[in-house]
Amino acid sequence: MSAVHDYLADVNPEAILWDGFDAALVGVGERCGMQPVAVYDRAKCIEVLREDGLSWEDAEEYFCYNVEGCYVGEMTPIIAVFDAEGL
């Protein structure tokens, strides 16, 4: 497990973590009046799916529909985009 995972487990053990995307977990985000949540790098999430054998298009479609489009309450992770070229 990463240092980010360990820190998040300490500050908010109820934070939601996405299965299989540990390599894309890049930080912890905080919002006013809410518990800290996991922050995932969008490009790294797509890369994780590509490493599982999906084409870029299939990985993008899967991520958009099954991960990015899923809201599960206040503990839903944040998706960060660090390189706008990939949008």
PDB file of N, CA and C in Angstrom:
ATOM      1  N   MET A   1       0.830  -1.179   0.000  1.00  0.00           N
ATOM      2  CA  MET A   1       0.000   0.000   0.000  1.00  0.00           C
ATOM      3  C   MET A   1       0.876   1.244   0.000  1.00  0.00           C
ATOM      4  N   SER A   2       0.328   2.295  -0.530  1.00  0.00           N
ATOM      5  CA  SER A   2       1.080   3.541  -0.641  1.00  0.00           C
ATOM      6  C   SER A   2       0.939   4.383   0.620  1.00  0.00           C
ATOM      7  N   ALA A   3       1.810   5.383   0.719  1.00  0.00           N
ATOM      8  CA  ALA A   3       1.740   6.314   1.838  1.00  0.00           C
ATOM      9  C   ALA A   3       0.421   7.075   1.807  1.00  0.00           C
ATOM     10  N   VAL A   4      -0.074   7.387   0.608  1.00  0.00           N
ATOM     11  CA  VAL A   4      -1.361   8.085   0.480  1.00  0.00           C
ATOM     12  C   VAL A   4      -2.479   7.216   1.039  1.00  0.00           C
ATOM     13  N   HIS A   5      -2.463   5.953   0.693  1.00  0.00           N
ATOM     14  CA  HIS A   5      -3.478   5.012   1.188  1.00  0.00           C
ATOM     15  C   HIS A   5      -3.428   4.943   2.709  1.00  0.00           C
ATOM     16  N   ASP A   6      -2.242   4.827   3.260  1.00  0.00           N
ATOM     17  CA  ASP A   6      -2.081   4.737   4.712  1.00  0.00           C
ATOM     18  C   ASP A   6      -2.566   6.010   5.404  1.00  0.00           C
ATOM     19  N   TYR A   7      -2.209   7.168   4.834  1.00  0.00           N
ATOM     20  CA  TYR A   7      -2.639   8.438   5.420  1.00  0.00           C
ATOM     21  C   TYR A   7      -4.159   8.550   5.395  1.00  0.00           C
ATOM     22  N   LEU A   8      -4.750   8.216   4.263  1.00  0.00           N
ATOM     23  CA  LEU A   8      -6.203   8.296   4.135  1.00  0.00           C
ATOM     24  C   LEU A   8      -6.887   7.346   5.110  1.00  0.00           C
ATOM     25  N   ALA A   9      -6.335   6.171   5.305  1.00  0.00           N
ATOM     26  CA  ALA A   9      -6.897   5.219   6.264  1.00  0.00           C
ATOM     27  C   ALA A   9      -6.885   5.790   7.682  1.00  0.00           C
ATOM     28  N   ASP A  10      -5.889   6.602   7.976  1.00  0.00           N
ATOM     29  CA  ASP A  10      -5.809   7.226   9.301  1.00  0.00           C
ATOM     30  C   ASP A  10      -6.794   8.376   9.467  1.00  0.00           C
ATOM     31  N   VAL A  11      -6.899   9.246   8.450  1.00  0.00           N
ATOM     32  CA  VAL A  11      -7.727  10.448   8.599  1.00  0.00           C
ATOM     33  C   VAL A  11      -9.194  10.220   8.268  1.00  0.00           C
ATOM     34  N   ASN A  12      -9.487   9.222   7.439  1.00  0.00           N
ATOM     35  CA  ASN A  12     -10.874   8.911   7.099  1.00  0.00           C
ATOM     36  C   ASN A  12     -10.994   7.449   6.674  1.00  0.00           C
ATOM     37  N   PRO A  13     -11.096   6.547   7.625  1.00  0.00           N
ATOM     38  CA  PRO A  13     -11.172   5.126   7.301  1.00  0.00           C
ATOM     39  C   PRO A  13     -12.400   4.748   6.472  1.00  0.00           C
ATOM     40  N   GLU A  14     -13.391   5.642   6.373  1.00  0.00           N
ATOM     41  CA  GLU A  14     -14.586   5.341   5.588  1.00  0.00           C
ATOM     42  C   GLU A  14     -14.494   5.865   4.151  1.00  0.00           C
ATOM     43  N   ALA A  15     -13.363   6.454   3.801  1.00  0.00           N
ATOM     44  CA  ALA A  15     -13.192   6.960   2.438  1.00  0.00           C
ATOM     45  C   ALA A  15     -13.284   5.801   1.440  1.00  0.00           C
ATOM     46  N   ILE A  16     -13.890   6.065   0.314  1.00  0.00           N
ATOM     47  CA  ILE A  16     -14.041   5.050  -0.730  1.00  0.00           C
ATOM     48  C   ILE A  16     -12.778   5.001  -1.572  1.00  0.00           C
ATOM     49  N   LEU A  17     -12.286   3.789  -1.788  1.00  0.00           N
ATOM     50  CA  LEU A  17     -11.146   3.551  -2.673  1.00  0.00           C
ATOM     51  C   LEU A  17     -11.599   2.661  -3.817  1.00  0.00           C
ATOM     52  N   TRP A  18     -11.152   2.974  -5.016  1.00  0.00           N
ATOM     53  CA  TRP A  18     -11.541   2.184  -6.182  1.00  0.00           C
ATOM     54  C   TRP A  18     -10.650   0.964  -6.319  1.00  0.00           C
ATOM     55  N   ASP A  19     -11.255  -0.213  -6.380  1.00  0.00           N
ATOM     56  CA  ASP A  19     -10.515  -1.463  -6.549  1.00  0.00           C
ATOM     57  C   ASP A  19      -9.752  -1.452  -7.869  1.00  0.00           C
ATOM     58  N   GLY A  20      -8.495  -1.849  -7.781  1.00  0.00           N
ATOM     59  CA  GLY A  20      -7.678  -1.991  -8.977  1.00  0.00           C
ATOM     60  C   GLY A  20      -6.997  -0.721  -9.455  1.00  0.00           C
ATOM     61  N   PHE A  21      -7.255   0.401  -8.806  1.00  0.00           N
ATOM     62  CA  PHE A  21      -6.676   1.661  -9.254  1.00  0.00           C
ATOM     63  C   PHE A  21      -5.644   2.219  -8.267  1.00  0.00           C
ATOM     64  N   ASP A  22      -5.011   1.357  -7.494  1.00  0.00           N
ATOM     65  CA  ASP A  22      -4.030   1.816  -6.513  1.00  0.00           C
ATOM     66  C   ASP A  22      -2.906   2.635  -7.151  1.00  0.00           C
ATOM     67  N   ALA A  23      -2.496   2.264  -8.359  1.00  0.00           N
ATOM     68  CA  ALA A  23      -1.411   2.974  -9.040  1.00  0.00           C
ATOM     69  C   ALA A  23      -1.806   4.394  -9.431  1.00  0.00           C
ATOM     70  N   ALA A  24      -3.096   4.676  -9.442  1.00  0.00           N
ATOM     71  CA  ALA A  24      -3.591   5.999  -9.834  1.00  0.00           C
ATOM     72  C   ALA A  24      -3.983   6.864  -8.634  1.00  0.00           C
ATOM     73  N   LEU A  25      -3.870   6.330  -7.435  1.00  0.00           N
ATOM     74  CA  LEU A  25      -4.177   7.092  -6.215  1.00  0.00           C
ATOM     75  C   LEU A  25      -3.026   8.054  -5.960  1.00  0.00           C
ATOM     76  N   VAL A  26      -3.300   9.360  -6.059  1.00  0.00           N
ATOM     77  CA  VAL A  26      -2.217  10.337  -5.997  1.00  0.00           C
ATOM     78  C   VAL A  26      -2.285  11.280  -4.806  1.00  0.00           C
ATOM     79  N   GLY A  27      -3.380  11.286  -4.082  1.00  0.00           N
ATOM     80  CA  GLY A  27      -3.450  12.212  -2.977  1.00  0.00           C
ATOM     81  C   GLY A  27      -4.747  12.135  -2.211  1.00  0.00           C
ATOM     82  N   VAL A  28      -4.903  13.118  -1.334  1.00  0.00           N
ATOM     83  CA  VAL A  28      -6.090  13.235  -0.498  1.00  0.00           C
ATOM     84  C   VAL A  28      -6.653  14.632  -0.716  1.00  0.00           C
ATOM     85  N   GLY A  29      -7.947  14.697  -0.977  1.00  0.00           N
ATOM     86  CA  GLY A  29      -8.594  15.984  -1.172  1.00  0.00           C
ATOM     87  C   GLY A  29      -9.493  16.318  -0.006  1.00  0.00           C
ATOM     88  N   GLU A  30      -9.555  17.602   0.301  1.00  0.00           N
ATOM     89  CA  GLU A  30     -10.413  18.050   1.393  1.00  0.00           C
ATOM     90  C   GLU A  30     -11.343  19.137   0.877  1.00  0.00           C
ATOM     91  N   ARG A  31     -12.589  19.077   1.351  1.00  0.00           N
ATOM     92  CA  ARG A  31     -13.589  20.083   1.012  1.00  0.00           C
ATOM     93  C   ARG A  31     -14.145  20.635   2.313  1.00  0.00           C
ATOM     94  N   CYS A  32     -14.485  21.892   2.309  1.00  0.00           N
ATOM     95  CA  CYS A  32     -14.972  22.571   3.498  1.00  0.00           C
ATOM     96  C   CYS A  32     -16.133  21.811   4.144  1.00  0.00           C
ATOM     97  N   GLY A  33     -15.977  21.465   5.401  1.00  0.00           N
ATOM     98  CA  GLY A  33     -17.032  20.818   6.151  1.00  0.00           C
ATOM     99  C   GLY A  33     -17.230  19.343   5.854  1.00  0.00           C
ATOM    100  N   MET A  34     -16.314  18.739   5.079  1.00  0.00           N
ATOM    101  CA  MET A  34     -16.465  17.327   4.708  1.00  0.00           C
ATOM    102  C   MET A  34     -15.190  16.564   5.063  1.00  0.00           C
ATOM    103  N   GLN A  35     -15.325  15.259   5.149  1.00  0.00           N
ATOM    104  CA  GLN A  35     -14.189  14.387   5.422  1.00  0.00           C
ATOM    105  C   GLN A  35     -13.241  14.353   4.214  1.00  0.00           C
ATOM    106  N   PRO A  36     -11.942  14.121   4.448  1.00  0.00           N
ATOM    107  CA  PRO A  36     -11.004  13.960   3.341  1.00  0.00           C
ATOM    108  C   PRO A  36     -11.373  12.745   2.484  1.00  0.00           C
ATOM    109  N   VAL A  37     -11.119  12.842   1.193  1.00  0.00           N
ATOM    110  CA  VAL A  37     -11.419  11.748   0.264  1.00  0.00           C
ATOM    111  C   VAL A  37     -10.210  11.459  -0.616  1.00  0.00           C
ATOM    112  N   ALA A  38     -10.234  10.317  -1.266  1.00  0.00           N
ATOM    113  CA  ALA A  38      -9.167   9.911  -2.173  1.00  0.00           C
ATOM    114  C   ALA A  38      -9.182  10.772  -3.434  1.00  0.00           C
ATOM    115  N   VAL A  39      -7.992  11.018  -3.972  1.00  0.00           N
ATOM    116  CA  VAL A  39      -7.845  11.727  -5.236  1.00  0.00           C
ATOM    117  C   VAL A  39      -7.104  10.807  -6.204  1.00  0.00           C
ATOM    118  N   TYR A  40      -7.718  10.608  -7.373  1.00  0.00           N
ATOM    119  CA  TYR A  40      -7.139   9.761  -8.404  1.00  0.00           C
ATOM    120  C   TYR A  40      -6.763  10.595  -9.624  1.00  0.00           C
ATOM    121  N   ASP A  41      -5.642  10.250 -10.238  1.00  0.00           N
ATOM    122  CA  ASP A  41      -5.191  10.876 -11.481  1.00  0.00           C
ATOM    123  C   ASP A  41      -5.923  10.200 -12.638  1.00  0.00           C
ATOM    124  N   ARG A  42      -6.712  10.977 -13.374  1.00  0.00           N
ATOM    125  CA  ARG A  42      -7.538  10.422 -14.451  1.00  0.00           C
ATOM    126  C   ARG A  42      -6.697   9.684 -15.492  1.00  0.00           C
ATOM    127  N   ALA A  43      -5.605  10.289 -15.932  1.00  0.00           N
ATOM    128  CA  ALA A  43      -4.759   9.664 -16.952  1.00  0.00           C
ATOM    129  C   ALA A  43      -4.171   8.345 -16.451  1.00  0.00           C
ATOM    130  N   LYS A  44      -3.802   8.304 -15.174  1.00  0.00           N
ATOM    131  CA  LYS A  44      -3.261   7.066 -14.608  1.00  0.00           C
ATOM    132  C   LYS A  44      -4.337   5.991 -14.515  1.00  0.00           C
ATOM    133  N   CYS A  45      -5.578   6.391 -14.256  1.00  0.00           N
ATOM    134  CA  CYS A  45      -6.678   5.420 -14.238  1.00  0.00           C
ATOM    135  C   CYS A  45      -6.855   4.782 -15.608  1.00  0.00           C
ATOM    136  N   ILE A  46      -6.812   5.606 -16.640  1.00  0.00           N
ATOM    137  CA  ILE A  46      -6.935   5.089 -18.001  1.00  0.00           C
ATOM    138  C   ILE A  46      -5.773   4.150 -18.310  1.00  0.00           C
ATOM    139  N   GLU A  47      -4.576   4.518 -17.871  1.00  0.00           N
ATOM    140  CA  GLU A  47      -3.406   3.673 -18.099  1.00  0.00           C
ATOM    141  C   GLU A  47      -3.546   2.326 -17.388  1.00  0.00           C
ATOM    142  N   VAL A  48      -4.086   2.312 -16.178  1.00  0.00           N
ATOM    143  CA  VAL A  48      -4.324   1.052 -15.465  1.00  0.00           C
ATOM    144  C   VAL A  48      -5.213   0.136 -16.305  1.00  0.00           C
ATOM    145  N   LEU A  49      -6.264   0.697 -16.869  1.00  0.00           N
ATOM    146  CA  LEU A  49      -7.176  -0.095 -17.695  1.00  0.00           C
ATOM    147  C   LEU A  49      -6.497  -0.571 -18.974  1.00  0.00           C
ATOM    148  N   ARG A  50      -5.637   0.261 -19.538  1.00  0.00           N
ATOM    149  CA  ARG A  50      -4.915  -0.145 -20.745  1.00  0.00           C
ATOM    150  C   ARG A  50      -3.951  -1.281 -20.436  1.00  0.00           C
ATOM    151  N   GLU A  51      -3.339  -1.253 -19.263  1.00  0.00           N
ATOM    152  CA  GLU A  51      -2.435  -2.334 -18.858  1.00  0.00           C
ATOM    153  C   GLU A  51      -3.194  -3.645 -18.677  1.00  0.00           C
ATOM    154  N   ASP A  52      -4.494  -3.551 -18.423  1.00  0.00           N
ATOM    155  CA  ASP A  52      -5.334  -4.739 -18.317  1.00  0.00           C
ATOM    156  C   ASP A  52      -5.764  -5.257 -19.683  1.00  0.00           C
ATOM    157  N   GLY A  53      -5.308  -4.584 -20.759  1.00  0.00           N
ATOM    158  CA  GLY A  53      -5.565  -5.086 -22.103  1.00  0.00           C
ATOM    159  C   GLY A  53      -6.590  -4.319 -22.913  1.00  0.00           C
ATOM    160  N   LEU A  54      -7.163  -3.254 -22.357  1.00  0.00           N
ATOM    161  CA  LEU A  54      -8.155  -2.488 -23.110  1.00  0.00           C
ATOM    162  C   LEU A  54      -7.470  -1.501 -24.048  1.00  0.00           C
ATOM    163  N   SER A  55      -8.098  -1.233 -25.179  1.00  0.00           N
ATOM    164  CA  SER A  55      -7.615  -0.179 -26.064  1.00  0.00           C
ATOM    165  C   SER A  55      -7.860   1.159 -25.372  1.00  0.00           C
ATOM    166  N   TRP A  56      -7.256   2.234 -25.895  1.00  0.00           N
ATOM    167  CA  TRP A  56      -7.471   3.540 -25.292  1.00  0.00           C
ATOM    168  C   TRP A  56      -8.949   3.893 -25.317  1.00  0.00           C
ATOM    169  N   GLU A  57      -9.617   3.652 -26.443  1.00  0.00           N
ATOM    170  CA  GLU A  57     -11.034   3.988 -26.568  1.00  0.00           C
ATOM    171  C   GLU A  57     -11.892   3.191 -25.583  1.00  0.00           C
ATOM    172  N   ASP A  58     -11.626   1.896 -25.478  1.00  0.00           N
ATOM    173  CA  ASP A  58     -12.394   1.061 -24.552  1.00  0.00           C
ATOM    174  C   ASP A  58     -12.122   1.440 -23.097  1.00  0.00           C
ATOM    175  N   ALA A  59     -10.869   1.764 -22.789  1.00  0.00           N
ATOM    176  CA  ALA A  59     -10.524   2.178 -21.432  1.00  0.00           C
ATOM    177  C   ALA A  59     -11.222   3.485 -21.082  1.00  0.00           C
ATOM    178  N   GLU A  60     -11.226   4.421 -22.008  1.00  0.00           N
ATOM    179  CA  GLU A  60     -11.886   5.708 -21.794  1.00  0.00           C
ATOM    180  C   GLU A  60     -13.391   5.511 -21.574  1.00  0.00           C
ATOM    181  N   GLU A  61     -13.996   4.696 -22.412  1.00  0.00           N
ATOM    182  CA  GLU A  61     -15.434   4.443 -22.287  1.00  0.00           C
ATOM    183  C   GLU A  61     -15.763   3.757 -20.963  1.00  0.00           C
ATOM    184  N   TYR A  62     -14.990   2.741 -20.613  1.00  0.00           N
ATOM    185  CA  TYR A  62     -15.219   2.025 -19.359  1.00  0.00           C
ATOM    186  C   TYR A  62     -15.079   2.975 -18.169  1.00  0.00           C
ATOM    187  N   PHE A  63     -13.994   3.761 -18.171  1.00  0.00           N
ATOM    188  CA  PHE A  63     -13.751   4.667 -17.055  1.00  0.00           C
ATOM    189  C   PHE A  63     -14.860   5.706 -16.935  1.00  0.00           C
ATOM    190  N   CYS A  64     -15.246   6.301 -18.052  1.00  0.00           N
ATOM    191  CA  CYS A  64     -16.288   7.336 -18.025  1.00  0.00           C
ATOM    192  C   CYS A  64     -17.599   6.791 -17.470  1.00  0.00           C
ATOM    193  N   TYR A  65     -17.982   5.620 -17.910  1.00  0.00           N
ATOM    194  CA  TYR A  65     -19.285   5.070 -17.528  1.00  0.00           C
ATOM    195  C   TYR A  65     -19.273   4.442 -16.138  1.00  0.00           C
ATOM    196  N   ASN A  66     -18.247   3.651 -15.838  1.00  0.00           N
ATOM    197  CA  ASN A  66     -18.246   2.841 -14.614  1.00  0.00           C
ATOM    198  C   ASN A  66     -17.554   3.476 -13.414  1.00  0.00           C
ATOM    199  N   VAL A  67     -16.717   4.465 -13.647  1.00  0.00           N
ATOM    200  CA  VAL A  67     -15.972   5.062 -12.536  1.00  0.00           C
ATOM    201  C   VAL A  67     -16.308   6.546 -12.422  1.00  0.00           C
ATOM    202  N   GLU A  68     -15.961   7.289 -13.432  1.00  0.00           N
ATOM    203  CA  GLU A  68     -16.162   8.739 -13.409  1.00  0.00           C
ATOM    204  C   GLU A  68     -17.631   9.121 -13.262  1.00  0.00           C
ATOM    205  N   GLY A  69     -18.512   8.345 -13.841  1.00  0.00           N
ATOM    206  CA  GLY A  69     -19.938   8.650 -13.801  1.00  0.00           C
ATOM    207  C   GLY A  69     -20.662   8.090 -12.595  1.00  0.00           C
ATOM    208  N   CYS A  70     -19.913   7.587 -11.628  1.00  0.00           N
ATOM    209  CA  CYS A  70     -20.519   6.943 -10.461  1.00  0.00           C
ATOM    210  C   CYS A  70     -20.381   7.832  -9.226  1.00  0.00           C
ATOM    211  N   TYR A  71     -21.491   8.302  -8.714  1.00  0.00           N
ATOM    212  CA  TYR A  71     -21.489   9.074  -7.476  1.00  0.00           C
ATOM    213  C   TYR A  71     -22.044   8.189  -6.372  1.00  0.00           C
ATOM    214  N   VAL A  72     -21.270   8.028  -5.310  1.00  0.00           N
ATOM    215  CA  VAL A  72     -21.689   7.158  -4.211  1.00  0.00           C
ATOM    216  C   VAL A  72     -21.716   7.903  -2.881  1.00  0.00           C
ATOM    217  N   GLY A  73     -21.990   9.182  -2.952  1.00  0.00           N
ATOM    218  CA  GLY A  73     -22.117   9.972  -1.734  1.00  0.00           C
ATOM    219  C   GLY A  73     -20.901  10.825  -1.446  1.00  0.00           C
ATOM    220  N   GLU A  74     -20.885  11.376  -0.240  1.00  0.00           N
ATOM    221  CA  GLU A  74     -19.839  12.308   0.156  1.00  0.00           C
ATOM    222  C   GLU A  74     -18.437  11.731   0.109  1.00  0.00           C
ATOM    223  N   MET A  75     -18.313  10.434   0.174  1.00  0.00           N
ATOM    224  CA  MET A  75     -16.996   9.804   0.175  1.00  0.00           C
ATOM    225  C   MET A  75     -16.509   9.442  -1.221  1.00  0.00           C
ATOM    226  N   THR A  76     -17.258   9.833  -2.253  1.00  0.00           N
ATOM    227  CA  THR A  76     -16.847   9.575  -3.635  1.00  0.00           C
ATOM    228  C   THR A  76     -15.487  10.223  -3.886  1.00  0.00           C
ATOM    229  N   PRO A  77     -14.548   9.487  -4.448  1.00  0.00           N
ATOM    230  CA  PRO A  77     -13.234  10.057  -4.746  1.00  0.00           C
ATOM    231  C   PRO A  77     -13.310  11.208  -5.752  1.00  0.00           C
ATOM    232  N   ILE A  78     -12.285  12.033  -5.707  1.00  0.00           N
ATOM    233  CA  ILE A  78     -12.117  13.131  -6.647  1.00  0.00           C
ATOM    234  C   ILE A  78     -11.253  12.638  -7.801  1.00  0.00           C
ATOM    235  N   ILE A  79     -11.590  13.051  -9.009  1.00  0.00           N
ATOM    236  CA  ILE A  79     -10.789  12.725 -10.181  1.00  0.00           C
ATOM    237  C   ILE A  79     -10.058  13.998 -10.591  1.00  0.00           C
ATOM    238  N   ALA A  80      -8.738  13.930 -10.608  1.00  0.00           N
ATOM    239  CA  ALA A  80      -7.926  15.084 -10.974  1.00  0.00           C
ATOM    240  C   ALA A  80      -7.364  14.915 -12.375  1.00  0.00           C
ATOM    241  N   VAL A  81      -7.340  16.023 -13.113  1.00  0.00           N
ATOM    242  CA  VAL A  81      -6.717  16.053 -14.428  1.00  0.00           C
ATOM    243  C   VAL A  81      -5.503  16.964 -14.317  1.00  0.00           C
ATOM    244  N   PHE A  82      -4.326  16.405 -14.559  1.00  0.00           N
ATOM    245  CA  PHE A  82      -3.095  17.170 -14.447  1.00  0.00           C
ATOM    246  C   PHE A  82      -2.562  17.616 -15.805  1.00  0.00           C
ATOM    247  N   ASP A  83      -3.030  16.972 -16.868  1.00  0.00           N
ATOM    248  CA  ASP A  83      -2.573  17.308 -18.213  1.00  0.00           C
ATOM    249  C   ASP A  83      -3.791  17.467 -19.102  1.00  0.00           C
ATOM    250  N   ALA A  84      -4.194  18.695 -19.353  1.00  0.00           N
ATOM    251  CA  ALA A  84      -5.408  18.958 -20.137  1.00  0.00           C
ATOM    252  C   ALA A  84      -5.258  18.505 -21.587  1.00  0.00           C
ATOM    253  N   GLU A  85      -4.055  18.175 -22.031  1.00  0.00           N
ATOM    254  CA  GLU A  85      -3.858  17.675 -23.392  1.00  0.00           C
ATOM    255  C   GLU A  85      -4.623  16.377 -23.611  1.00  0.00           C
ATOM    256  N   GLY A  86      -4.788  15.587 -22.553  1.00  0.00           N
ATOM    257  CA  GLY A  86      -5.438  14.285 -22.667  1.00  0.00           C
ATOM    258  C   GLY A  86      -6.939  14.321 -22.682  1.00  0.00           C
ATOM    259  N   LEU A  87      -7.529  15.508 -22.616  1.00  0.00           N
ATOM    260  CA  LEU A  87      -8.995  15.600 -22.596  1.00  0.00           C
ATOM    261  C   LEU A  87      -9.571  15.647 -23.981  1.00  0.00           C
TER     262      LEU A  87
END
